[in-house]
Amino acid sequence: MDWVLLGFAVVTPLSMAIGIAYRRRERALIDIARFRSFAYQIYLGHCLWDWGKPPNAGRSTTDCDWLRHTDSVLEQLIGIGDELTRFLTLPTYTRTRHRMMSSGRKEAARTVEVAYRLFDSLYTQRVMKLTMLTEAFKYEGLNHSEASRIRQYERFLGECIEDLRVIKTYRTPQALRAFGRVFTVILPPFYAPSFAQLAFDLNSLVMGILMSIITPLCLTALFESIQVLEDPFVGYITLDGIDVREEFQVLREFFCRLVK
């Protein structure tokens, strides 16, 4: 059998799926980095920005408890980070078995319920409270241009959260994965005559047996690489995943240093 068929039916779709999954992983890393940056800038804005030179203008002329205000901002930002970490590290619930099997659908329903509750808390409730704190900051005297800049940071923060949610929820095309899964299992036995011919040409039965073992092993390893990269937020399980807990712990440490 022609080896071109093996490359067309198995290697090409698997390589394409790996490339798509890897790009999703890199996009998730960029979104996490942007999230950390925007969260840090939001806190700096509430903590340090002023609109006049003290003691005759600016924060010092208001009756607001600024320490309590910035602590409230910090509480919401840390809460968003913690709940986003829990959301991203939930078990995967979008595999084929979660759609096709009754047990998988029940498992997915339980996970989706928890996911929606977490996302509602971190995005609907906490981001709204963060917006209200910005409004309170503006009422105390922050000029509109600087308030607009904080609003922009909040919008960018929301975009990062939404992008991470999409990456967590959706997968690479099912058609490519199904194509690779089926042909990885079915196609290698049809190459048995080719392996026998190889052993005959080389006058080495060992070489023919080794090639018959290595070929499906490489195809299986290629397919498993896709499975590993499908959900990039599993750094605690696989070496190639993103360690979300570690990434958001770094943000928490940044906040702690700033408070000190």
Protein backbone atom coordinates (compact mmCIF):
# COMPACT_ATOMS: atom_id res chain seq x y z
CA MET A 1 0.00 0.00 0.00
CA ASP A 2 1.24 3.46 -0.87
CA TRP A 3 2.65 5.41 2.08
CA VAL A 4 1.11 8.60 0.67
CA LEU A 5 -2.24 7.36 1.95
CA LEU A 6 -0.83 7.15 5.47
CA GLY A 7 0.42 10.72 5.28
CA PHE A 8 -2.84 12.03 3.81
CA ALA A 9 -5.30 10.08 5.98
CA VAL A 10 -3.51 10.23 9.33
CA VAL A 11 -0.43 12.42 9.63
CA THR A 12 -1.83 15.52 7.88
CA PRO A 13 -5.07 15.86 9.93
CA LEU A 14 -3.25 15.03 13.15
CA SER A 15 -0.57 17.64 12.43
CA MET A 16 -3.23 20.24 11.65
CA ALA A 17 -5.10 19.44 14.88
CA ILE A 18 -1.89 19.72 16.92
CA GLY A 19 -1.15 23.09 15.33
CA ILE A 20 -4.63 24.39 16.14
CA ALA A 21 -4.44 23.12 19.73
CA TYR A 22 -0.98 24.66 20.20
CA ARG A 23 -2.16 28.05 18.93
CA ARG A 24 -5.06 27.91 21.39
CA ARG A 25 -2.58 27.22 24.19
CA GLU A 26 -0.42 30.18 23.18
CA ARG A 27 -3.50 32.42 22.98
CA ALA A 28 -4.50 31.35 26.48
CA LEU A 29 -1.04 32.25 27.79
CA ILE A 30 -1.30 35.71 26.21
CA ASP A 31 -4.77 36.24 27.72
CA ILE A 32 -3.55 35.27 31.19
CA ALA A 33 -0.62 37.67 30.88
CA ARG A 34 -2.94 40.47 29.72
CA PHE A 35 -5.38 39.71 32.54
CA ARG A 36 -2.61 40.03 35.12
CA SER A 37 -1.39 43.27 33.58
CA PHE A 38 -4.84 44.90 33.45
CA ALA A 39 -5.75 43.76 36.97
CA TYR A 40 -2.49 45.25 38.28
CA GLN A 41 -3.10 48.55 36.47
CA ILE A 42 -6.67 48.76 37.78
CA TYR A 43 -5.42 48.38 41.33
CA LEU A 44 -2.65 50.94 40.80
CA GLY A 45 -5.22 53.38 39.46
CA HIS A 46 -7.47 53.06 42.50
CA CYS A 47 -4.52 53.01 44.87
CA LEU A 48 -2.29 55.83 43.60
CA TRP A 49 -3.98 58.04 41.02
CA ASP A 50 -4.77 61.55 42.23
CA TRP A 51 -6.30 64.65 40.63
CA GLY A 52 -4.53 67.45 42.44
CA LYS A 53 -1.55 68.33 44.57
CA PRO A 54 -2.11 67.73 48.30
CA PRO A 55 -2.91 69.10 50.80
CA ASN A 56 -5.19 71.57 49.02
CA ALA A 57 -6.55 69.26 46.31
CA GLY A 58 -6.99 65.65 45.40
CA ARG A 59 -7.64 62.69 47.68
CA SER A 60 -6.62 64.52 50.83
CA THR A 61 -9.59 66.92 50.57
CA THR A 62 -12.27 64.19 50.51
CA ASP A 63 -13.94 62.30 53.33
CA CYS A 64 -13.50 58.91 51.63
CA ASP A 65 -11.71 56.12 53.46
CA TRP A 66 -9.20 55.39 50.69
CA LEU A 67 -7.63 52.46 52.49
CA ARG A 68 -11.00 50.76 52.69
CA HIS A 69 -11.70 51.66 49.06
CA THR A 70 -8.49 50.14 47.75
CA ASP A 71 -8.95 47.08 49.97
CA SER A 72 -12.37 46.58 48.37
CA VAL A 73 -10.82 46.81 44.89
CA LEU A 74 -8.13 44.34 45.92
CA GLU A 75 -10.75 41.96 47.30
CA GLN A 76 -12.66 41.93 44.01
CA LEU A 77 -9.55 41.48 41.86
CA ILE A 78 -8.24 38.61 43.97
CA GLY A 79 -11.72 37.08 44.00
CA ILE A 80 -11.92 37.29 40.21
CA GLY A 81 -8.51 35.62 39.91
CA ASP A 82 -9.37 32.83 42.37
CA GLU A 83 -12.72 32.04 40.78
CA LEU A 84 -11.28 32.21 37.27
CA THR A 85 -8.63 29.71 38.39
CA ARG A 86 -11.34 27.35 39.64
CA PHE A 87 -13.31 27.79 36.41
CA LEU A 88 -10.35 27.08 34.13
CA THR A 89 -9.23 24.01 36.10
CA LEU A 90 -12.64 22.33 36.05
CA PRO A 91 -12.71 18.88 34.43
CA THR A 92 -13.18 18.87 30.68
CA TYR A 93 -16.84 18.53 29.70
CA THR A 94 -16.79 18.87 25.90
CA ARG A 95 -15.39 15.53 24.75
CA THR A 96 -17.33 13.25 22.43
CA ARG A 97 -18.53 11.04 25.27
CA HIS A 98 -20.08 14.09 26.94
CA ARG A 99 -22.36 14.48 23.90
CA MET A 100 -22.99 10.90 22.81
CA MET A 101 -23.28 8.87 26.03
CA SER A 102 -25.88 9.28 28.78
CA SER A 103 -23.27 8.96 31.55
CA GLY A 104 -21.12 11.55 29.80
CA ARG A 105 -24.06 13.95 29.44
CA LYS A 106 -24.81 13.66 33.16
CA GLU A 107 -21.17 14.32 34.02
CA ALA A 108 -21.09 17.31 31.68
CA ALA A 109 -24.33 18.70 33.16
CA ARG A 110 -22.86 18.63 36.67
CA THR A 111 -19.66 20.33 35.55
CA VAL A 112 -21.49 22.94 33.46
CA GLU A 113 -23.67 23.88 36.44
CA VAL A 114 -20.59 24.58 38.56
CA ALA A 115 -18.92 26.40 35.66
CA TYR A 116 -21.88 28.73 35.13
CA ARG A 117 -22.07 29.55 38.83
CA LEU A 118 -18.38 30.40 38.97
CA PHE A 119 -18.52 32.48 35.81
CA ASP A 120 -21.60 34.35 36.99
CA SER A 121 -19.85 35.17 40.26
CA LEU A 122 -16.56 36.33 38.77
CA TYR A 123 -17.88 38.14 35.71
CA THR A 124 -21.39 39.34 36.51
CA GLN A 125 -21.11 40.09 40.21
CA ARG A 126 -17.46 40.91 40.88
CA VAL A 127 -16.85 42.92 37.71
CA MET A 128 -20.03 44.89 38.45
CA LYS A 129 -18.76 45.65 41.96
CA LEU A 130 -15.45 46.72 40.46
CA THR A 131 -17.32 49.10 38.14
CA MET A 132 -19.27 50.52 41.08
CA LEU A 133 -16.00 51.18 42.92
CA THR A 134 -14.75 53.07 39.89
CA GLU A 135 -17.96 55.12 39.94
CA ALA A 136 -17.37 55.90 43.62
CA PHE A 137 -13.82 56.96 42.76
CA LYS A 138 -15.17 59.27 40.05
CA TYR A 139 -17.77 60.81 42.39
CA GLU A 140 -14.99 61.74 44.81
CA GLY A 141 -13.32 63.87 42.15
CA LEU A 142 -11.37 61.72 39.67
CA ASN A 143 -11.48 63.45 36.30
CA HIS A 144 -13.38 61.85 33.46
CA SER A 145 -10.37 61.06 31.27
CA GLU A 146 -8.65 59.04 33.99
CA ALA A 147 -11.93 57.33 34.93
CA SER A 148 -12.34 56.44 31.26
CA ARG A 149 -8.88 54.89 31.28
CA ILE A 150 -9.81 52.67 34.24
CA ARG A 151 -13.02 51.75 32.39
CA GLN A 152 -10.88 50.74 29.43
CA TYR A 153 -8.78 48.49 31.66
CA GLU A 154 -11.98 46.89 32.96
CA ARG A 155 -13.20 46.26 29.41
CA PHE A 156 -9.89 44.68 28.44
CA LEU A 157 -10.06 42.56 31.59
CA GLY A 158 -13.52 41.36 30.57
CA GLU A 159 -12.30 40.53 27.06
CA CYS A 160 -9.52 38.38 28.51
CA ILE A 161 -12.01 36.54 30.73
CA GLU A 162 -14.36 35.90 27.81
CA ASP A 163 -11.53 34.68 25.59
CA LEU A 164 -10.33 32.28 28.28
CA ARG A 165 -13.90 31.00 28.70
CA VAL A 166 -14.16 30.28 24.98
CA ILE A 167 -10.82 28.45 24.96
CA LYS A 168 -11.91 26.38 27.96
CA THR A 169 -15.34 25.54 26.53
CA TYR A 170 -14.58 24.76 22.89
CA ARG A 171 -12.20 22.29 21.28
CA THR A 172 -10.39 21.76 17.99
CA PRO A 173 -12.62 20.50 15.13
CA GLN A 174 -14.19 17.16 15.97
CA ALA A 175 -13.92 16.03 12.34
CA LEU A 176 -10.11 16.20 12.38
CA ARG A 177 -9.86 14.35 15.68
CA ALA A 178 -12.35 11.67 14.60
CA PHE A 179 -10.56 11.25 11.28
CA GLY A 180 -7.23 10.79 13.04
CA ARG A 181 -8.69 8.51 15.72
CA VAL A 182 -10.32 6.13 13.24
CA PHE A 183 -7.44 5.87 10.77
CA THR A 184 -4.82 5.58 13.51
CA VAL A 185 -6.52 2.33 14.56
CA ILE A 186 -7.75 0.98 11.21
CA LEU A 187 -5.01 1.86 8.73
CA PRO A 188 -1.79 0.28 10.18
CA PRO A 189 -2.94 -3.38 9.74
CA PHE A 190 -3.35 -2.76 6.00
CA TYR A 191 0.37 -2.01 5.83
CA ALA A 192 1.29 -5.52 7.03
CA PRO A 193 2.26 -6.62 3.47
CA SER A 194 4.53 -3.55 3.21
CA PHE A 195 6.29 -4.48 6.44
CA ALA A 196 6.66 -8.06 5.21
CA GLN A 197 8.10 -6.82 1.92
CA LEU A 198 10.51 -4.59 3.84
CA ALA A 199 11.72 -7.58 5.88
CA PHE A 200 12.13 -9.59 2.68
CA ASP A 201 14.05 -6.83 0.88
CA LEU A 202 16.39 -6.23 3.83
CA ASN A 203 16.62 -9.94 4.59
CA SER A 204 15.83 -9.01 8.22
CA LEU A 205 12.72 -10.21 10.01
CA VAL A 206 13.67 -8.09 13.02
CA MET A 207 13.60 -4.89 10.97
CA GLY A 208 10.18 -5.72 9.56
CA ILE A 209 8.79 -6.40 13.04
CA LEU A 210 10.33 -3.22 14.44
CA MET A 211 8.82 -1.08 11.68
CA SER A 212 5.40 -2.69 12.19
CA ILE A 213 5.62 -1.74 15.88
CA ILE A 214 7.12 1.74 15.53
CA THR A 215 4.71 2.99 12.85
CA PRO A 216 1.43 2.57 14.82
CA LEU A 217 3.24 3.62 18.00
CA CYS A 218 4.25 6.93 16.41
CA LEU A 219 0.72 7.48 15.09
CA THR A 220 -0.77 6.81 18.51
CA ALA A 221 1.73 9.16 20.17
CA LEU A 222 0.81 11.85 17.64
CA PHE A 223 -2.88 11.41 18.40
CA GLU A 224 -2.28 11.46 22.17
CA SER A 225 -0.44 14.77 21.75
CA ILE A 226 -3.69 16.25 20.52
CA GLN A 227 -5.55 14.92 23.55
CA VAL A 228 -2.98 16.45 25.89
CA LEU A 229 -3.20 19.89 24.26
CA GLU A 230 -6.99 19.90 23.93
CA ASP A 231 -7.49 21.51 27.35
CA PRO A 232 -4.47 23.77 27.95
CA PHE A 233 -5.42 24.53 31.58
CA VAL A 234 -4.24 21.23 33.03
CA GLY A 235 -0.69 22.04 34.08
CA TYR A 236 -1.14 19.98 37.24
CA ILE A 237 -1.77 16.86 35.08
CA THR A 238 0.44 17.24 31.99
CA LEU A 239 3.83 18.81 31.41
CA ASP A 240 2.57 20.87 28.45
CA GLY A 241 -0.43 22.39 30.22
CA ILE A 242 -0.68 25.88 31.70
CA ASP A 243 -0.29 25.99 35.47
CA VAL A 244 -3.14 28.42 36.05
CA ARG A 245 -2.84 28.33 39.85
CA GLU A 246 0.81 29.33 39.67
CA GLU A 247 0.10 32.15 37.21
CA PHE A 248 -2.57 33.73 39.40
CA GLN A 249 -0.52 33.14 42.53
CA VAL A 250 2.12 35.40 40.96
CA LEU A 251 -0.55 38.11 40.58
CA ARG A 252 -1.53 37.72 44.23
CA GLU A 253 2.12 38.13 45.25
CA PHE A 254 2.35 41.31 43.16
CA PHE A 255 -0.62 42.73 45.05
CA CYS A 256 0.90 41.74 48.41
CA ARG A 257 4.17 43.48 47.60
CA LEU A 258 2.33 46.61 46.50
CA VAL A 259 0.25 46.71 49.69
CA LYS A 260 3.38 46.40 51.81
